[in-house]
Amino acid sequence: MQRDAIYALPQGQVVDFAFNEAVADVFPDMIRRSVPGYEAIISLLGVIARRYAQPHSRIYDLGCSLGAATLSMVSQVREAGVHFMCVDNSNAMTSRCGQILQRHLAAGHFEVLCADIQDVAVKNASVVVLNFTLQFLKPAEREAMLANIYQGLRPGGVLILSEKLRFADVGEQGLLTDLHLEFKRANGYSELEISQKRSALENVLIPDTFEEHLTRLQAAGFGHVVRWFQGFNFASLLAVKA
């Protein structure tokens, strides 16, 4: 695993974060050291998919990056005729994702698309994963994205939505932000790296509160939403279509 050192040296001007070749090279290390609970979420996605996957349906990994969520689900899903759809708008990610999945899935059982997830019509889905992806869409575009997913899910299907959260309570926001910073320091990131990465993400990653997510999911049609995991200011929600 190549170590993330993208922000280790001073940058004259910190540009907006992008999922380019440099990030793809170090992504597994970057996300493991940056997102509390990431490895647990990935592992448990497989368990959830095992419970909700339906025969001859599609499972979508929207914003798939290198396909870690898909691999977890592949390892657990037992239903016949399940087709895995992996979508990401980064060619650097999808090219690597396709190579990785070829080693674990037979041709014809998966598809990797380099495309904007907003342009993909979700169809015949039993499980849809948005793993730290919705937060990179403009807030005004998020409701339509969730509505597209809801319409494309079979009855009894689920959306697994993992996101960085913000908190309306100032004290709670401050505490969980501080703990997240300590998590990064404990994983070897310097103050310079933390500062420059924060600047790069400032205009790119716009987090919502849990209440905002809940309101949006309910507006899309989901009647049952559970926050099933939280690590500091990162959480994963399970939304079920009746």
Protein backbone atom coordinates (compact mmCIF):
# COMPACT_ATOMS: atom_id res chain seq x y z
CA MET A 1 0.00 0.00 0.00
CA GLN A 2 1.55 3.30 -1.11
CA ARG A 3 1.66 5.89 1.68
CA ASP A 4 -0.22 9.16 1.28
CA ALA A 5 2.22 12.07 1.23
CA ILE A 6 0.33 14.35 -1.19
CA TYR A 7 0.20 17.28 1.26
CA ALA A 8 3.46 16.56 3.09
CA LEU A 9 5.36 19.44 1.47
CA PRO A 10 4.33 23.12 1.51
CA GLN A 11 2.24 24.09 -1.52
CA GLY A 12 2.36 27.68 -2.73
CA GLN A 13 -1.32 27.52 -3.65
CA VAL A 14 -3.52 24.69 -2.45
CA VAL A 15 -5.88 23.75 -5.28
CA ASP A 16 -9.27 22.10 -4.83
CA PHE A 17 -9.12 18.40 -4.08
CA ALA A 18 -9.64 16.09 -7.07
CA PHE A 19 -9.66 12.30 -7.47
CA ASN A 20 -6.74 12.32 -9.91
CA GLU A 21 -3.92 9.86 -10.60
CA ALA A 22 -1.93 11.00 -7.57
CA VAL A 23 -4.89 10.41 -5.24
CA ALA A 24 -5.72 7.06 -6.87
CA ASP A 25 -2.16 5.92 -6.22
CA VAL A 26 -2.47 6.44 -2.46
CA PHE A 27 -6.24 6.25 -1.94
CA PRO A 28 -6.40 3.13 0.27
CA ASP A 29 -3.89 4.63 2.70
CA MET A 30 -5.44 8.11 2.51
CA ILE A 31 -8.97 7.07 3.37
CA ARG A 32 -7.91 4.56 6.04
CA ARG A 33 -5.93 7.27 7.85
CA SER A 34 -8.52 10.02 7.31
CA VAL A 35 -11.95 8.47 7.95
CA PRO A 36 -12.61 6.98 11.41
CA GLY A 37 -14.30 3.62 11.10
CA TYR A 38 -13.78 3.32 7.34
CA GLU A 39 -12.53 -0.26 7.44
CA ALA A 40 -15.42 -1.31 9.70
CA ILE A 41 -17.95 0.32 7.37
CA ILE A 42 -16.47 -1.44 4.34
CA SER A 43 -16.59 -4.81 6.10
CA LEU A 44 -20.16 -4.33 7.32
CA LEU A 45 -21.40 -3.20 3.91
CA GLY A 46 -20.93 -6.80 2.89
CA VAL A 47 -23.10 -7.99 5.77
CA ILE A 48 -25.87 -5.52 4.89
CA ALA A 49 -25.74 -6.47 1.22
CA ARG A 50 -25.94 -10.14 2.17
CA ARG A 51 -29.18 -9.39 4.03
CA TYR A 52 -30.84 -7.21 1.36
CA ALA A 53 -29.54 -8.42 -2.03
CA GLN A 54 -32.33 -9.87 -4.16
CA PRO A 55 -31.97 -12.51 -6.89
CA HIS A 56 -31.41 -11.21 -10.42
CA SER A 57 -31.08 -7.61 -9.27
CA ARG A 58 -28.39 -4.97 -9.54
CA ILE A 59 -26.13 -3.67 -6.80
CA TYR A 60 -24.81 -0.15 -7.43
CA ASP A 61 -21.61 1.30 -5.97
CA LEU A 62 -21.93 5.00 -6.85
CA GLY A 63 -18.66 6.84 -6.40
CA CYS A 64 -16.92 3.49 -6.31
CA SER A 65 -13.29 4.75 -6.27
CA LEU A 66 -11.19 1.55 -6.30
CA GLY A 67 -14.12 -0.76 -5.59
CA ALA A 68 -13.57 -1.60 -1.92
CA ALA A 69 -17.30 -1.50 -1.13
CA THR A 70 -18.09 -3.71 -4.11
CA LEU A 71 -15.45 -6.26 -3.14
CA SER A 72 -16.90 -6.45 0.37
CA MET A 73 -20.37 -7.07 -1.03
CA VAL A 74 -19.13 -9.59 -3.59
CA SER A 75 -17.60 -11.61 -0.77
CA GLN A 76 -20.94 -11.87 1.06
CA VAL A 77 -23.80 -11.84 -1.45
CA ARG A 78 -25.19 -15.32 -2.12
CA GLU A 79 -28.22 -14.58 -4.31
CA ALA A 80 -28.21 -15.77 -7.92
CA GLY A 81 -27.93 -13.45 -10.89
CA VAL A 82 -26.73 -10.35 -9.04
CA HIS A 83 -24.99 -7.82 -11.29
CA PHE A 84 -22.61 -5.24 -9.78
CA MET A 85 -22.56 -1.71 -11.23
CA CYS A 86 -19.59 0.48 -10.26
CA VAL A 87 -19.67 4.15 -11.23
CA ASP A 88 -17.16 6.95 -10.69
CA ASN A 89 -16.35 10.13 -12.61
CA SER A 90 -12.60 9.66 -12.15
CA ASN A 91 -10.91 7.73 -14.94
CA ALA A 92 -7.92 7.21 -12.64
CA MET A 93 -10.20 5.38 -10.20
CA THR A 94 -12.35 3.40 -12.63
CA SER A 95 -9.40 2.08 -14.66
CA ARG A 96 -7.86 0.65 -11.49
CA CYS A 97 -11.24 -0.51 -10.17
CA GLY A 98 -11.88 -2.55 -13.31
CA GLN A 99 -8.51 -4.25 -13.04
CA ILE A 100 -9.12 -5.13 -9.38
CA LEU A 101 -12.62 -6.50 -9.93
CA GLN A 102 -11.45 -8.68 -12.83
CA ARG A 103 -9.47 -10.70 -10.29
CA HIS A 104 -12.57 -11.39 -8.17
CA LEU A 105 -15.59 -11.45 -10.50
CA ALA A 106 -16.26 -13.26 -13.75
CA ALA A 107 -16.84 -11.15 -16.85
CA GLY A 108 -20.51 -10.37 -17.28
CA HIS A 109 -21.19 -10.13 -13.55
CA PHE A 110 -19.99 -6.54 -13.17
CA GLU A 111 -19.65 -3.28 -15.05
CA VAL A 112 -17.40 -0.31 -14.30
CA LEU A 113 -18.50 3.02 -15.73
CA CYS A 114 -16.55 6.27 -15.82
CA ALA A 115 -19.47 8.67 -15.60
CA ASP A 116 -21.18 11.29 -13.47
CA ILE A 117 -23.38 9.36 -11.04
CA GLN A 118 -26.13 11.92 -11.68
CA ASP A 119 -26.30 10.77 -15.30
CA VAL A 120 -26.80 7.11 -14.40
CA ALA A 121 -30.39 5.83 -14.25
CA VAL A 122 -30.60 3.37 -11.37
CA LYS A 123 -32.66 0.35 -12.43
CA ASN A 124 -33.71 -2.99 -10.88
CA ALA A 125 -31.58 -2.33 -7.78
CA SER A 126 -31.78 -4.16 -4.48
CA VAL A 127 -28.77 -2.40 -2.90
CA VAL A 128 -27.28 1.01 -3.66
CA VAL A 129 -24.16 2.32 -1.94
CA LEU A 130 -23.14 5.98 -1.72
CA ASN A 131 -19.99 5.63 0.35
CA PHE A 132 -18.69 9.15 1.13
CA THR A 133 -19.91 10.33 -2.27
CA LEU A 134 -23.05 12.47 -1.88
CA GLN A 135 -21.02 15.03 0.09
CA PHE A 136 -19.12 15.90 -3.11
CA LEU A 137 -22.29 16.85 -5.00
CA LYS A 138 -23.59 20.40 -4.78
CA PRO A 139 -26.23 20.53 -2.01
CA ALA A 140 -28.93 21.59 -4.48
CA GLU A 141 -28.28 18.42 -6.53
CA ARG A 142 -28.53 15.90 -3.71
CA GLU A 143 -32.30 15.53 -3.46
CA ALA A 144 -32.61 14.64 -7.16
CA MET A 145 -29.83 12.07 -6.78
CA LEU A 146 -31.65 10.36 -3.92
CA ALA A 147 -34.95 10.44 -5.81
CA ASN A 148 -33.28 8.70 -8.77
CA ILE A 149 -31.99 6.00 -6.44
CA TYR A 150 -35.36 5.53 -4.74
CA GLN A 151 -37.16 5.16 -8.06
CA GLY A 152 -34.63 2.57 -9.22
CA LEU A 153 -34.80 0.42 -6.10
CA ARG A 154 -37.01 -2.64 -5.87
CA PRO A 155 -39.46 -2.78 -2.94
CA GLY A 156 -37.46 -3.94 0.06
CA GLY A 157 -34.27 -2.53 -1.44
CA VAL A 158 -31.87 -0.34 0.50
CA LEU A 159 -29.61 2.66 0.15
CA ILE A 160 -26.47 2.71 2.30
CA LEU A 161 -25.34 6.32 2.64
CA SER A 162 -22.02 7.07 4.36
CA GLU A 163 -21.10 10.72 4.92
CA LYS A 164 -19.09 13.16 6.94
CA LEU A 165 -21.54 14.95 9.25
CA ARG A 166 -21.72 18.45 10.59
CA PHE A 167 -23.59 19.26 13.79
CA ALA A 168 -25.96 22.09 14.63
CA ASP A 169 -24.79 22.10 18.26
CA VAL A 170 -21.56 24.13 18.46
CA GLY A 171 -20.16 22.08 21.34
CA GLU A 172 -20.80 18.78 19.60
CA GLN A 173 -19.29 20.09 16.37
CA GLY A 174 -16.18 21.29 18.16
CA LEU A 175 -15.68 18.08 20.14
CA LEU A 176 -16.07 15.71 17.20
CA THR A 177 -13.91 17.90 14.94
CA ASP A 178 -11.15 17.86 17.57
CA LEU A 179 -11.39 14.08 17.90
CA HIS A 180 -11.18 13.71 14.13
CA LEU A 181 -8.02 15.83 14.10
CA GLU A 182 -6.52 13.65 16.83
CA PHE A 183 -7.39 10.60 14.74
CA LYS A 184 -5.41 12.04 11.83
CA ARG A 185 -2.45 12.92 14.07
CA ALA A 186 -2.52 9.43 15.55
CA ASN A 187 -2.29 8.07 12.01
CA GLY A 188 0.86 10.05 11.26
CA TYR A 189 -0.43 13.14 9.47
CA SER A 190 1.48 16.35 10.25
CA GLU A 191 -0.15 19.68 11.05
CA LEU A 192 0.91 20.89 7.59
CA GLU A 193 -0.76 17.92 5.90
CA ILE A 194 -3.93 18.37 7.92
CA SER A 195 -4.08 22.09 7.17
CA GLN A 196 -3.42 21.79 3.44
CA LYS A 197 -5.86 18.90 3.00
CA ARG A 198 -8.54 20.91 4.84
CA SER A 199 -7.97 23.85 2.48
CA ALA A 200 -8.17 21.57 -0.57
CA LEU A 201 -11.51 20.11 0.57
CA GLU A 202 -13.09 23.32 1.85
CA ASN A 203 -15.00 24.15 -1.34
CA VAL A 204 -15.39 20.56 -2.53
CA LEU A 205 -16.74 18.51 0.39
CA ILE A 206 -19.86 20.15 1.88
CA PRO A 207 -21.25 18.08 4.80
CA ASP A 208 -24.86 17.99 6.00
CA THR A 209 -26.34 17.36 9.44
CA PHE A 210 -28.04 14.04 10.15
CA GLU A 211 -31.35 15.90 10.26
CA GLU A 212 -30.76 17.31 6.77
CA HIS A 213 -29.99 13.82 5.46
CA LEU A 214 -33.09 12.43 7.13
CA THR A 215 -35.36 15.13 5.70
CA ARG A 216 -33.94 14.63 2.21
CA LEU A 217 -34.24 10.82 2.36
CA GLN A 218 -37.83 11.05 3.55
CA ALA A 219 -38.64 13.52 0.78
CA ALA A 220 -37.26 11.00 -1.72
CA GLY A 221 -39.70 8.39 -0.35
CA PHE A 222 -37.68 6.38 2.18
CA GLY A 223 -39.89 5.63 5.16
CA HIS A 224 -37.35 3.93 7.41
CA VAL A 225 -33.89 5.43 8.00
CA VAL A 226 -31.40 4.20 10.60
CA ARG A 227 -28.01 5.62 11.54
CA TRP A 228 -26.30 2.25 11.92
CA PHE A 229 -22.69 3.41 12.34
CA GLN A 230 -20.85 6.50 13.57
CA GLY A 231 -17.17 7.16 14.14
CA PHE A 232 -16.68 10.71 15.45
CA ASN A 233 -18.05 12.99 12.70
CA PHE A 234 -18.46 10.25 10.08
CA ALA A 235 -21.60 8.13 9.89
CA SER A 236 -23.44 5.63 7.73
CA LEU A 237 -27.20 5.50 7.27
CA LEU A 238 -29.44 2.66 6.10
CA ALA A 239 -32.57 3.75 4.19
CA VAL A 240 -35.14 1.10 3.29
CA LYS A 241 -37.70 1.29 0.48
CA ALA A 242 -40.99 -0.20 1.63
